[in-house]
Amino acid sequence: MKQYYVYILECSDKSYYTGITNNIERRLVEHKLGLQKDSYTFVRRPLKLVFCTDFLDPNQAIAFEKQVKGWTRAKKEAIINDNWDKLKALAECKNETSHKGFDSAQPDDDN
């Protein structure tokens, strides 16, 4: 059965690159050699693999990659550091307009 990998690379500028592959060893070599000059990682080498997880279902791998790409740096660092339990707290809205500031629904003002 084929495996699919979602991985995160730390780039030389300390940014993160998230990708997906069905051959992690080959893909890491491709990144490190800089085979695609127009890729995000080309000018950010050297690269370091900081996270990798595998899936048997390619659709689950694709969905997880898309999810992680949309995450904040803090959420990515939580999974890099194996702190999955921090994800919920990091996902909470913390600005003043958050729904948490309201006790109940408020009526519309009909002025």
Protein backbone atom coordinates (compact mmCIF):
# COMPACT_ATOMS: atom_id res chain seq x y z
CA MET A 1 0.00 0.00 0.00
CA LYS A 2 1.33 3.42 -0.99
CA GLN A 3 2.08 6.03 1.66
CA TYR A 4 1.77 9.80 1.38
CA TYR A 5 3.72 12.25 3.48
CA VAL A 6 2.94 15.76 4.62
CA TYR A 7 6.11 17.51 5.69
CA ILE A 8 7.37 20.85 6.94
CA LEU A 9 10.80 22.21 6.08
CA GLU A 10 12.49 24.98 8.01
CA CYS A 11 14.23 27.26 5.54
CA SER A 12 17.45 29.21 6.09
CA ASP A 13 15.40 32.40 6.63
CA LYS A 14 13.46 30.58 9.41
CA SER A 15 10.28 30.44 7.33
CA TYR A 16 8.40 27.16 6.92
CA TYR A 17 7.48 25.32 3.75
CA THR A 18 4.73 22.69 3.85
CA GLY A 19 4.52 20.04 1.16
CA ILE A 20 3.18 16.62 0.24
CA THR A 21 4.83 13.68 -1.49
CA ASN A 22 4.63 9.94 -1.95
CA ASN A 23 8.42 9.57 -1.61
CA ILE A 24 9.87 11.65 1.21
CA GLU A 25 13.52 10.72 0.60
CA ARG A 26 13.36 11.66 -3.09
CA ARG A 27 11.48 14.88 -2.37
CA LEU A 28 13.99 16.01 0.25
CA VAL A 29 16.84 15.46 -2.19
CA GLU A 30 14.98 17.47 -4.83
CA HIS A 31 14.50 20.36 -2.39
CA LYS A 32 18.09 20.27 -1.19
CA LEU A 33 19.52 20.18 -4.73
CA GLY A 34 17.27 23.03 -5.82
CA LEU A 35 15.99 21.35 -8.96
CA GLN A 36 13.17 23.88 -9.39
CA LYS A 37 14.68 27.36 -9.56
CA ASP A 38 11.27 29.06 -9.29
CA SER A 39 10.23 27.17 -6.15
CA TYR A 40 9.81 28.82 -2.74
CA THR A 41 12.65 26.82 -1.22
CA PHE A 42 15.25 27.41 -3.95
CA VAL A 43 16.63 30.68 -2.54
CA ARG A 44 16.00 29.60 1.06
CA ARG A 45 18.40 26.67 1.19
CA PRO A 46 19.77 24.99 3.22
CA LEU A 47 16.60 23.31 4.42
CA LYS A 48 15.88 21.18 7.45
CA LEU A 49 13.07 18.65 7.77
CA VAL A 50 11.28 19.53 11.02
CA PHE A 51 8.01 17.60 10.69
CA CYS A 52 6.74 14.62 8.74
CA THR A 53 3.62 12.49 9.08
CA ASP A 54 2.29 9.77 6.83
CA PHE A 55 -1.11 8.82 5.46
CA LEU A 56 -2.43 5.82 3.56
CA ASP A 57 -5.29 7.81 2.02
CA PRO A 58 -4.08 10.45 -0.46
CA ASN A 59 -7.21 12.55 0.07
CA GLN A 60 -6.52 12.77 3.81
CA ALA A 61 -2.92 13.77 3.10
CA ILE A 62 -4.03 16.48 0.65
CA ALA A 63 -6.62 17.81 3.11
CA PHE A 64 -4.07 17.91 5.95
CA GLU A 65 -1.47 19.67 3.80
CA LYS A 66 -4.01 22.36 2.83
CA GLN A 67 -5.03 22.76 6.46
CA VAL A 68 -1.45 23.16 7.68
CA LYS A 69 -0.61 25.63 4.90
CA GLY A 70 -3.35 27.88 6.26
CA TRP A 71 -2.11 27.73 9.84
CA THR A 72 -0.21 30.37 11.73
CA ARG A 73 3.45 29.93 12.52
CA ALA A 74 2.51 29.17 16.15
CA LYS A 75 0.24 26.30 15.14
CA LYS A 76 2.90 24.86 12.82
CA GLU A 77 5.45 25.07 15.63
CA ALA A 78 3.04 23.29 17.97
CA ILE A 79 2.97 20.19 15.74
CA ILE A 80 6.69 20.47 14.97
CA ASN A 81 7.28 20.29 18.73
CA ASP A 82 4.69 17.50 19.14
CA ASN A 83 2.37 19.76 21.15
CA TRP A 84 -0.86 18.78 19.40
CA ASP A 85 -2.83 19.67 22.54
CA LYS A 86 -1.99 23.37 22.01
CA LEU A 87 -3.79 23.57 18.65
CA LYS A 88 -7.23 24.29 20.12
CA ALA A 89 -6.00 27.20 22.23
CA LEU A 90 -3.99 28.60 19.31
CA ALA A 91 -7.09 28.49 17.11
CA GLU A 92 -9.21 30.61 19.44
CA CYS A 93 -10.03 34.16 18.39
CA LYS A 94 -8.43 36.63 20.77
CA ASN A 95 -9.50 40.02 19.40
CA GLU A 96 -12.03 42.36 21.00
CA THR A 97 -14.77 41.60 18.50
CA SER A 98 -14.72 37.90 19.31
CA HIS A 99 -18.08 36.26 19.90
CA LYS A 100 -16.82 35.34 23.38
CA GLY A 101 -17.43 38.91 24.54
CA PHE A 102 -21.21 38.50 24.23
CA ASP A 103 -23.43 36.73 26.75
CA SER A 104 -26.31 36.29 24.33
CA ALA A 105 -27.67 37.46 21.01
CA GLN A 106 -28.48 41.16 20.91
CA PRO A 107 -31.56 42.64 19.19
CA ASP A 108 -31.11 44.71 16.05
CA ASP A 109 -31.33 48.49 16.46
CA ASP A 110 -34.26 49.65 14.29
CA ASN A 111 -33.49 53.39 14.29
